Amino acid sequence: MAKSLTKEENILLTLINAFQNDEKEKLNHLVNISKSLIEVRKKVKEEMEKLPPQFNVFNSINLLNHENYNSNLFANFLEIKFKYNGNEIGFAKLFLKYLNEEFGWEFDLENIKIEDIEIKRELPTEERKRIDIFIGYKEKFAVIIENKIWADDGYKQLENYYNYVKSQKYDKIYMIYLTPYEREPSEESLSKELYKEKGSKLYGKFANIKHAEIGYWLEGILKRQEFSFLNNNEEENNKNDYKLLKSALIQIIDNEKSISGENEEGDMTEAEIKKVLNENLFKEIKTIEKADEYIEMFDKVKNLLVKQKIQILIEFTKKIANYLKSKNYKEGEHYTLLKDKYIIKEMLNSNYPHPIEFNINNIKVSLEYERGDMSCYFGIYTEDKNMPIKIRKKLKTSIENIFNDFDEYREEGVWIFLYYIDIEKDKPQEIAEVMIKLYELLKKEIK
């Protein structure tokens, strides 16, 4: 005869069954929501096909989320100044006006001369760091802009930037943290005590701005009466034709909104997702605890999707490695090849693994994974700060003859030539062939 359960055991069994039923219910919700979201994606794609073609120049050349190029774009845009009908127009001053209106930052705009506004890109500091974008006006004020699309902050990065600019004797120092979704800097980079506590050195002088806000600000400029001349299409008077500037503004607007997922497609997708969640989930979430349960579940789903994305990159890498092997290049002798589990671990720990790497006297032909958006790229890499100049001077033409789609980098001690791989279009065999030719060139020329 089976032993009867005690009162405590019955209570425990009841709790276990209730927990299992609750988990099963949540999983059923997740399955239903997943099916609905697949339909959402299909529906949004169908709706987008009904719209005029949505062409983003930066996205088409794989530079939509590239921090360096995005910073170059914004800095060069701020440099634009010209006269129209006797009025001086400078986008740097317009940006300062936006910051004044949005955050109350004091710049004495009436007395600012456009030609005296200083814009610097990658301003070096004493700690061998580089401020992404710097805006300065005489000794009156400085604005530090740190552009973080996907990368994480370095240790005390923003605090060091502030301390360096402070040493340059500016009366006021402001800081902008520019990200896709208004995320805050890490505590290690800039302590909250330095910008959130009253009386702190950056209190009231620090702003989180998402990229979409830059897009909306520029959209507002295009709509203002004083800029109606941008819509002047009189072909007979070419010197008053601003269509290239207007075209650039439209592309920058779309690019900045796209980075934050707030372009036409992003808005439509969000609205449809909200509708699905309203029908399937929100009506059951009445407490913070219940919301946290679903957040935890969706986080797990996201982690699984991230791992799947890493696996796609790994499969691409294996095809490169197989081609190298077919050409008699041996792992361990000619190049290093990371194990799958190590790649996954490094990516999940926000590192930058080099799955395949040839090494010729500390000059490397390397494949690397980006830890932020999990893109991949390859090229020539070194940690020797003196080598990039030598290689460019000696081998630039030979390298471009091998592969003319490389971007040339000017940062110290990192990439010299780099190409972002589109794994949907680029063939692993062709990437492998370029890596072989670069390896043979460097082996011959670098002694």
Protein backbone atom coordinates (compact mmCIF):
# COMPACT_ATOMS: atom_id res chain seq x y z
CA MET A 1 0.00 0.00 0.00
CA ALA A 2 1.38 3.41 -0.98
CA LYS A 3 2.42 5.64 1.85
CA SER A 4 0.10 8.63 2.28
CA LEU A 5 1.65 12.07 1.95
CA THR A 6 2.02 14.38 4.92
CA LYS A 7 0.28 17.73 4.98
CA GLU A 8 3.56 19.51 4.23
CA GLU A 9 4.31 17.15 1.32
CA ASN A 10 0.84 17.76 -0.14
CA ILE A 11 1.36 21.52 0.07
CA LEU A 12 4.76 21.19 -1.63
CA LEU A 13 3.30 18.98 -4.38
CA THR A 14 0.48 21.47 -4.95
CA LEU A 15 3.01 24.30 -5.26
CA ILE A 16 5.14 22.29 -7.70
CA ASN A 17 2.11 21.50 -9.87
CA ALA A 18 0.98 25.12 -9.78
CA PHE A 19 4.47 26.27 -10.77
CA GLN A 20 4.63 23.75 -13.62
CA ASN A 21 1.19 24.80 -14.88
CA ASP A 22 2.20 28.46 -14.69
CA GLU A 23 5.41 27.78 -16.62
CA LYS A 24 3.49 25.74 -19.20
CA GLU A 25 1.00 28.59 -19.59
CA LYS A 26 3.81 31.10 -20.10
CA LEU A 27 5.46 28.85 -22.66
CA ASN A 28 2.16 28.51 -24.52
CA HIS A 29 1.90 32.30 -24.53
CA LEU A 30 5.42 32.51 -25.89
CA VAL A 31 4.63 30.05 -28.69
CA ASN A 32 1.50 32.00 -29.65
CA ILE A 33 3.34 35.31 -29.52
CA SER A 34 6.22 33.93 -31.60
CA LYS A 35 3.80 32.73 -34.28
CA SER A 36 2.09 36.12 -34.26
CA LEU A 37 5.41 37.99 -34.52
CA ILE A 38 6.38 35.92 -37.56
CA GLU A 39 3.12 37.07 -39.11
CA VAL A 40 3.92 40.65 -38.05
CA ARG A 41 7.24 40.53 -39.89
CA LYS A 42 5.52 39.15 -42.98
CA LYS A 43 2.79 41.81 -42.82
CA VAL A 44 5.25 44.68 -42.36
CA LYS A 45 7.29 43.49 -45.34
CA GLU A 46 4.14 43.37 -47.47
CA GLU A 47 3.16 46.90 -46.36
CA MET A 48 6.68 48.22 -47.03
CA GLU A 49 6.47 46.89 -50.58
CA LYS A 50 3.45 49.16 -51.16
CA LEU A 51 5.47 52.27 -50.23
CA PRO A 52 7.90 54.12 -52.52
CA PRO A 53 11.36 52.47 -52.46
CA GLN A 54 13.04 53.06 -49.09
CA PHE A 55 16.71 53.35 -50.05
CA ASN A 56 19.32 54.16 -47.42
CA VAL A 57 22.77 54.82 -48.91
CA PHE A 58 24.61 53.95 -45.69
CA ASN A 59 22.73 50.71 -45.15
CA SER A 60 23.35 49.61 -48.73
CA ILE A 61 27.13 49.81 -48.20
CA ASN A 62 27.01 48.23 -44.72
CA LEU A 63 27.82 51.45 -42.85
CA LEU A 64 24.50 52.15 -41.12
CA ASN A 65 25.75 51.15 -37.65
CA HIS A 66 29.47 51.78 -38.11
CA GLU A 67 30.54 54.13 -35.30
CA ASN A 68 33.62 55.61 -36.96
CA TYR A 69 31.86 56.45 -40.20
CA ASN A 70 28.82 57.75 -38.35
CA SER A 71 31.02 60.03 -36.26
CA ASN A 72 32.81 61.24 -39.40
CA LEU A 73 29.46 61.96 -41.00
CA PHE A 74 28.13 63.96 -38.04
CA ALA A 75 31.37 65.89 -37.49
CA ASN A 76 31.65 66.83 -41.18
CA PHE A 77 28.00 67.83 -41.20
CA LEU A 78 28.56 70.18 -38.24
CA GLU A 79 31.42 71.79 -40.20
CA ILE A 80 29.03 73.00 -42.94
CA LYS A 81 28.64 76.78 -43.01
CA PHE A 82 27.53 79.12 -45.80
CA LYS A 83 25.72 82.38 -46.52
CA TYR A 84 22.25 82.71 -47.97
CA ASN A 85 20.58 86.05 -48.69
CA GLY A 86 23.15 87.76 -46.49
CA ASN A 87 22.51 85.45 -43.54
CA GLU A 88 25.23 83.22 -42.11
CA ILE A 89 24.16 79.61 -41.61
CA GLY A 90 26.24 77.09 -39.70
CA PHE A 91 24.99 73.67 -38.63
CA ALA A 92 27.27 73.69 -35.59
CA LYS A 93 25.55 76.82 -34.29
CA LEU A 94 22.14 75.35 -35.13
CA PHE A 95 23.10 72.28 -33.10
CA LEU A 96 24.11 74.48 -30.16
CA LYS A 97 20.73 76.20 -30.43
CA TYR A 98 19.02 72.79 -30.32
CA LEU A 99 20.99 71.87 -27.17
CA ASN A 100 20.04 75.20 -25.61
CA GLU A 101 16.34 74.71 -26.33
CA GLU A 102 16.28 71.01 -25.40
CA PHE A 103 18.45 71.00 -22.27
CA GLY A 104 18.80 74.63 -21.25
CA TRP A 105 22.54 74.66 -21.87
CA GLU A 106 23.87 78.22 -21.90
CA PHE A 107 25.97 79.24 -24.88
CA ASP A 108 25.30 83.00 -25.30
CA LEU A 109 24.13 82.21 -28.83
CA GLU A 110 23.62 85.85 -29.82
CA ASN A 111 27.33 86.55 -29.54
CA ILE A 112 28.69 83.33 -31.03
CA LYS A 113 30.51 83.77 -34.33
CA ILE A 114 30.09 80.76 -36.60
CA GLU A 115 33.66 80.95 -37.91
CA ASP A 116 35.05 80.65 -34.35
CA ILE A 117 33.25 77.40 -33.51
CA GLU A 118 35.84 74.62 -33.47
CA ILE A 119 34.91 71.07 -34.51
CA LYS A 120 37.42 68.28 -33.94
CA ARG A 121 37.16 64.60 -34.74
CA GLU A 122 39.04 62.05 -32.59
CA LEU A 123 40.63 64.71 -30.39
CA PRO A 124 43.60 63.00 -28.64
CA THR A 125 43.86 63.21 -24.85
CA GLU A 126 46.88 62.87 -22.59
CA GLU A 127 45.88 59.25 -21.83
CA ARG A 128 46.16 58.33 -25.52
CA LYS A 129 42.39 58.18 -25.87
CA ARG A 130 40.36 59.98 -28.51
CA ILE A 131 37.23 62.03 -28.02
CA ASP A 132 34.81 61.09 -30.83
CA ILE A 133 33.57 64.61 -31.57
CA PHE A 134 34.60 67.83 -29.83
CA ILE A 135 32.92 71.23 -30.15
CA GLY A 136 34.75 74.17 -28.62
CA TYR A 137 34.27 77.93 -28.60
CA LYS A 138 37.29 79.97 -27.54
CA GLU A 139 37.67 79.51 -23.76
CA LYS A 140 33.92 79.88 -23.22
CA PHE A 141 32.64 76.30 -23.50
CA ALA A 142 33.31 72.81 -24.81
CA VAL A 143 30.94 69.99 -25.78
CA ILE A 144 32.21 66.41 -25.63
CA ILE A 145 30.27 63.97 -27.83
CA GLU A 146 30.80 60.24 -27.30
CA ASN A 147 29.14 58.15 -30.02
CA LYS A 148 28.37 54.60 -28.87
CA ILE A 149 26.26 52.66 -31.37
CA TRP A 150 27.24 49.16 -30.21
CA ALA A 151 30.61 49.27 -28.47
CA ASP A 152 30.94 49.39 -24.69
CA ASP A 153 32.71 52.08 -22.68
CA GLY A 154 36.32 51.76 -21.63
CA TYR A 155 37.42 52.02 -18.00
CA LYS A 156 36.98 55.64 -16.82
CA GLN A 157 36.67 56.63 -20.48
CA LEU A 158 34.21 59.51 -20.14
CA GLU A 159 35.70 60.69 -16.86
CA ASN A 160 39.11 60.90 -18.53
CA TYR A 161 37.62 62.88 -21.42
CA TYR A 162 36.11 65.34 -18.98
CA ASN A 163 39.34 65.72 -16.99
CA TYR A 164 41.35 66.32 -20.16
CA VAL A 165 38.99 69.01 -21.47
CA LYS A 166 38.88 70.60 -18.01
CA SER A 167 42.68 70.89 -18.11
CA GLN A 168 42.27 73.01 -21.26
CA LYS A 169 40.66 75.77 -19.15
CA TYR A 170 37.16 76.00 -20.66
CA ASP A 171 34.63 77.95 -18.57
CA LYS A 172 31.87 75.37 -19.11
CA ILE A 173 32.03 71.74 -20.16
CA TYR A 174 29.06 69.74 -21.48
CA MET A 175 28.88 66.09 -22.43
CA ILE A 176 26.61 64.16 -24.82
CA TYR A 177 26.33 60.38 -24.77
CA LEU A 178 24.93 59.51 -28.21
CA THR A 179 23.44 56.00 -28.47
CA PRO A 180 20.66 54.20 -30.36
CA TYR A 181 18.28 53.99 -27.37
CA GLU A 182 19.35 56.57 -24.76
CA ARG A 183 21.30 54.07 -22.69
CA GLU A 184 23.41 55.43 -19.87
CA PRO A 185 27.19 55.14 -19.73
CA SER A 186 28.59 52.37 -17.59
CA GLU A 187 29.38 53.18 -13.98
CA GLU A 188 33.01 52.29 -14.70
CA SER A 189 33.19 54.88 -17.47
CA LEU A 190 31.39 57.73 -15.69
CA SER A 191 30.05 57.43 -12.17
CA LYS A 192 26.46 58.60 -11.69
CA GLU A 193 27.75 60.75 -8.84
CA LEU A 194 29.50 62.92 -11.43
CA TYR A 195 26.40 63.81 -13.45
CA LYS A 196 23.25 62.91 -11.50
CA GLU A 197 23.92 64.39 -8.07
CA LYS A 198 23.18 68.08 -7.51
CA GLY A 199 26.34 70.10 -7.32
CA SER A 200 28.42 67.53 -9.22
CA LYS A 201 30.65 68.76 -12.03
CA LEU A 202 28.39 67.51 -14.85
CA TYR A 203 25.01 67.93 -13.16
CA GLY A 204 22.71 69.62 -15.68
CA LYS A 205 25.50 69.45 -18.26
CA PHE A 206 25.18 65.81 -19.31
CA ALA A 207 22.66 64.49 -21.85
CA ASN A 208 21.70 61.07 -23.18
CA ILE A 209 20.63 61.59 -26.77
CA LYS A 210 19.47 58.80 -29.06
CA HIS A 211 20.38 58.94 -32.73
CA ALA A 212 16.74 59.31 -33.75
CA GLU A 213 16.64 62.68 -31.94
CA ILE A 214 19.32 63.98 -34.31
CA GLY A 215 17.09 62.84 -37.17
CA TYR A 216 14.02 64.60 -35.74
CA TRP A 217 16.02 67.78 -35.15
CA LEU A 218 17.15 67.83 -38.80
CA GLU A 219 13.62 67.03 -39.93
CA GLY A 220 12.49 70.13 -38.08
CA ILE A 221 15.10 72.23 -39.87
CA LEU A 222 13.80 71.12 -43.27
CA LYS A 223 10.28 72.17 -42.29
CA ARG A 224 11.20 75.66 -41.08
CA GLN A 225 10.31 78.62 -43.25
CA GLU A 226 13.81 80.09 -43.03
CA PHE A 227 15.14 76.96 -44.76
CA SER A 228 12.53 76.83 -47.50
CA PHE A 229 15.29 77.68 -50.00
CA LEU A 230 16.45 74.06 -49.66
CA ASN A 231 13.34 73.14 -51.65
CA ASN A 232 14.20 75.56 -54.45
CA ASN A 233 14.51 73.45 -57.61
CA GLU A 234 15.03 76.22 -60.16
CA GLU A 235 17.36 74.54 -62.61
CA GLU A 236 18.24 77.73 -64.47
CA ASN A 237 19.95 79.19 -61.41
CA ASN A 238 22.36 76.46 -60.40
CA LYS A 239 24.26 78.48 -57.80
CA ASN A 240 21.05 78.63 -55.75
CA ASP A 241 20.36 74.95 -56.14
CA TYR A 242 20.70 73.24 -52.75
CA LYS A 243 19.40 69.84 -53.81
CA LEU A 244 22.65 68.04 -52.87
CA LEU A 245 22.55 69.51 -49.37
CA LYS A 246 18.87 68.65 -49.03
CA SER A 247 19.53 65.13 -50.32
CA ALA A 248 22.32 64.70 -47.76
CA LEU A 249 20.04 65.94 -44.98
CA ILE A 250 17.31 63.48 -45.98
CA GLN A 251 19.79 60.58 -45.95
CA ILE A 252 21.25 61.63 -42.58
CA ILE A 253 17.73 61.92 -41.13
CA ASP A 254 16.83 58.42 -42.29
CA ASN A 255 20.17 57.04 -41.14
CA GLU A 256 19.91 58.47 -37.62
CA LYS A 257 16.31 57.31 -37.22
CA SER A 258 17.19 53.87 -38.61
CA ILE A 259 19.97 53.42 -36.04
CA SER A 260 17.30 53.83 -33.35
CA GLY A 261 14.78 51.68 -35.24
CA GLU A 262 12.46 54.65 -35.76
CA ASN A 263 12.30 54.82 -39.53
CA GLU A 264 9.18 53.94 -41.53
CA GLU A 265 9.69 50.18 -41.20
CA GLY A 266 10.66 50.39 -37.53
CA ASP A 267 7.58 52.43 -36.61
CA MET A 268 5.28 50.06 -38.48
CA THR A 269 6.89 46.99 -36.87
CA GLU A 270 6.63 48.43 -33.36
CA ALA A 271 2.95 49.27 -33.82
CA GLU A 272 2.16 45.74 -35.03
CA ILE A 273 4.17 44.12 -32.21
CA LYS A 274 2.32 46.23 -29.66
CA LYS A 275 -0.97 45.05 -31.15
CA VAL A 276 0.11 41.39 -30.83
CA LEU A 277 1.19 41.87 -27.21
CA ASN A 278 -2.05 43.68 -26.36
CA GLU A 279 -4.03 40.74 -27.71
CA ASN A 280 -1.91 37.96 -26.22
CA LEU A 281 -0.05 39.18 -23.18
CA PHE A 282 -0.59 42.65 -21.72
CA LYS A 283 -4.06 41.84 -20.39
CA GLU A 284 -2.49 39.22 -18.09
CA ILE A 285 0.36 41.40 -16.81
CA LYS A 286 -1.05 43.31 -13.86
CA THR A 287 1.94 43.34 -11.50
CA ILE A 288 5.65 44.20 -11.72
CA GLU A 289 6.45 40.66 -10.63
CA LYS A 290 4.49 39.19 -13.54
CA ALA A 291 6.12 41.64 -15.97
CA ASP A 292 9.55 40.61 -14.67
CA GLU A 293 8.73 36.95 -15.30
CA TYR A 294 8.05 37.65 -18.97
CA ILE A 295 11.06 39.95 -19.28
CA GLU A 296 13.21 37.10 -17.98
CA MET A 297 11.63 34.71 -20.49
CA PHE A 298 12.12 37.07 -23.45
CA ASP A 299 15.72 37.68 -22.33
CA LYS A 300 16.29 33.94 -22.58
CA VAL A 301 14.77 33.94 -26.05
CA LYS A 302 17.02 36.84 -27.04
CA ASN A 303 20.09 35.00 -25.73
CA LEU A 304 19.18 31.95 -27.80
CA LEU A 305 18.77 34.12 -30.90
CA VAL A 306 22.15 35.73 -30.21
CA LYS A 307 23.74 32.28 -29.99
CA GLN A 308 22.07 31.33 -33.27
CA LYS A 309 23.52 34.46 -34.91
CA ILE A 310 26.97 33.54 -33.59
CA GLN A 311 26.49 30.05 -35.03
CA ILE A 312 25.78 31.53 -38.47
CA LEU A 313 29.06 33.46 -38.25
CA ILE A 314 30.87 30.30 -37.16
CA GLU A 315 29.52 28.36 -40.16
CA PHE A 316 30.78 31.12 -42.47
CA THR A 317 34.19 30.93 -40.78
CA LYS A 318 34.33 27.15 -41.21
CA LYS A 319 33.84 27.57 -44.95
CA ILE A 320 36.80 29.97 -45.03
CA ALA A 321 38.89 27.48 -43.03
CA ASN A 322 37.90 24.60 -45.32
CA TYR A 323 39.04 26.59 -48.34
CA LEU A 324 42.38 27.37 -46.67
CA LYS A 325 42.82 23.67 -45.95
CA SER A 326 42.01 22.78 -49.57
CA LYS A 327 44.86 25.09 -50.64
CA ASN A 328 47.30 23.30 -48.30
CA TYR A 329 47.39 26.00 -45.61
CA LYS A 330 47.57 24.25 -42.28
CA GLU A 331 46.03 25.24 -38.97
CA GLY A 332 48.76 25.75 -36.38
CA GLU A 333 51.48 26.06 -39.00
CA HIS A 334 50.20 28.90 -41.17
CA TYR A 335 47.29 30.30 -39.18
CA THR A 336 45.33 29.94 -35.94
CA LEU A 337 41.72 28.73 -35.84
CA LEU A 338 39.64 29.22 -32.71
CA LYS A 339 37.38 26.45 -31.40
CA ASP A 340 33.63 27.04 -31.61
CA LYS A 341 33.11 27.01 -27.84
CA TYR A 342 35.84 29.63 -27.36
CA ILE A 343 34.30 31.90 -30.02
CA ILE A 344 30.87 31.65 -28.36
CA LYS A 345 32.34 32.33 -24.92
CA GLU A 346 34.28 35.38 -26.15
CA MET A 347 31.28 36.84 -27.97
CA LEU A 348 28.95 36.37 -25.00
CA ASN A 349 31.57 38.03 -22.79
CA SER A 350 31.62 41.05 -25.13
CA ASN A 351 35.12 40.42 -26.47
CA TYR A 352 36.44 40.59 -30.03
CA PRO A 353 37.53 37.08 -31.07
CA HIS A 354 39.80 36.49 -34.08
CA PRO A 355 38.53 33.11 -35.39
CA ILE A 356 41.16 32.96 -38.16
CA GLU A 357 44.50 34.74 -38.04
CA PHE A 358 47.76 34.64 -39.99
CA ASN A 359 50.72 36.21 -38.15
CA ILE A 360 53.78 37.54 -39.98
CA ASN A 361 56.21 39.23 -37.55
CA ASN A 362 53.32 40.74 -35.54
CA ILE A 363 51.51 41.89 -38.68
CA LYS A 364 48.28 39.94 -38.87
CA VAL A 365 45.87 39.02 -41.60
CA SER A 366 42.86 38.53 -39.41
CA LEU A 367 39.15 37.76 -39.37
CA GLU A 368 37.37 39.37 -36.41
CA TYR A 369 33.85 39.35 -34.96
CA GLU A 370 32.31 42.61 -33.72
CA ARG A 371 30.96 42.11 -30.21
CA GLY A 372 28.24 44.77 -30.56
CA ASP A 373 26.17 44.10 -33.66
CA MET A 374 27.95 40.76 -34.26
CA SER A 375 29.15 41.70 -37.69
CA CYS A 376 32.42 40.32 -39.02
CA TYR A 377 35.27 41.87 -40.93
CA PHE A 378 38.79 41.05 -42.04
CA GLY A 379 41.95 42.83 -43.04
CA ILE A 380 45.45 43.71 -41.86
CA TYR A 381 45.95 44.32 -38.16
CA THR A 382 48.88 45.14 -35.89
CA GLU A 383 49.58 46.27 -32.34
CA ASP A 384 52.89 47.80 -33.40
CA LYS A 385 52.22 51.55 -33.53
CA ASN A 386 55.06 52.23 -35.98
CA MET A 387 54.12 49.56 -38.51
CA PRO A 388 50.97 51.08 -40.14
CA ILE A 389 52.93 53.96 -41.69
CA LYS A 390 55.57 51.58 -43.04
CA ILE A 391 53.00 49.23 -44.54
CA ARG A 392 50.98 52.01 -46.16
CA LYS A 393 54.11 53.56 -47.62
CA LYS A 394 55.53 50.30 -48.93
CA LEU A 395 52.55 48.07 -49.73
CA LYS A 396 49.42 50.21 -50.16
CA THR A 397 49.29 49.78 -53.95
CA SER A 398 50.03 46.04 -53.79
CA ILE A 399 47.32 45.52 -51.16
CA GLU A 400 44.77 47.48 -53.20
CA ASN A 401 45.64 45.40 -56.26
CA ILE A 402 44.76 42.29 -54.27
CA PHE A 403 41.51 43.74 -52.89
CA ASN A 404 40.39 47.28 -53.63
CA ASP A 405 37.38 47.35 -51.28
CA PHE A 406 39.41 47.81 -48.11
CA ASP A 407 38.81 50.86 -45.93
CA GLU A 408 42.03 52.46 -44.76
CA TYR A 409 42.18 53.02 -41.01
CA ARG A 410 44.21 55.68 -39.21
CA GLU A 411 43.79 54.60 -35.59
CA GLU A 412 46.91 53.82 -33.58
CA GLY A 413 47.86 50.21 -33.02
CA VAL A 414 44.84 48.50 -34.56
CA TRP A 415 43.53 47.93 -38.08
CA ILE A 416 45.44 49.25 -41.08
CA PHE A 417 43.09 47.97 -43.78
CA LEU A 418 39.61 46.65 -43.05
CA TYR A 419 36.57 45.29 -44.90
CA TYR A 420 33.15 44.59 -43.37
CA ILE A 421 31.85 41.26 -44.65
CA ASP A 422 28.27 40.83 -45.80
CA ILE A 423 27.79 37.11 -45.20
CA GLU A 424 24.62 37.14 -47.30
CA LYS A 425 26.53 38.36 -50.37
CA ASP A 426 30.28 37.81 -49.90
CA LYS A 427 31.56 34.32 -50.64
CA PRO A 428 33.76 32.67 -47.99
CA GLN A 429 36.01 31.20 -50.69
CA GLU A 430 36.73 34.69 -52.07
CA ILE A 431 37.49 36.06 -48.59
CA ALA A 432 39.83 33.11 -47.99
CA GLU A 433 41.60 33.74 -51.31
CA VAL A 434 42.22 37.38 -50.39
CA MET A 435 43.56 36.34 -46.98
CA ILE A 436 45.97 33.91 -48.68
CA LYS A 437 47.26 36.58 -51.09
CA LEU A 438 47.73 39.09 -48.27
CA TYR A 439 49.58 36.49 -46.21
CA GLU A 440 51.92 35.67 -49.10
CA LEU A 441 52.54 39.37 -49.80
CA LEU A 442 53.37 40.16 -46.17
CA LYS A 443 55.51 37.03 -45.82
CA LYS A 444 57.56 38.22 -48.78
CA GLU A 445 57.81 41.90 -47.84
CA ILE A 446 57.87 41.99 -44.03
CA LYS A 447 61.18 40.79 -42.65
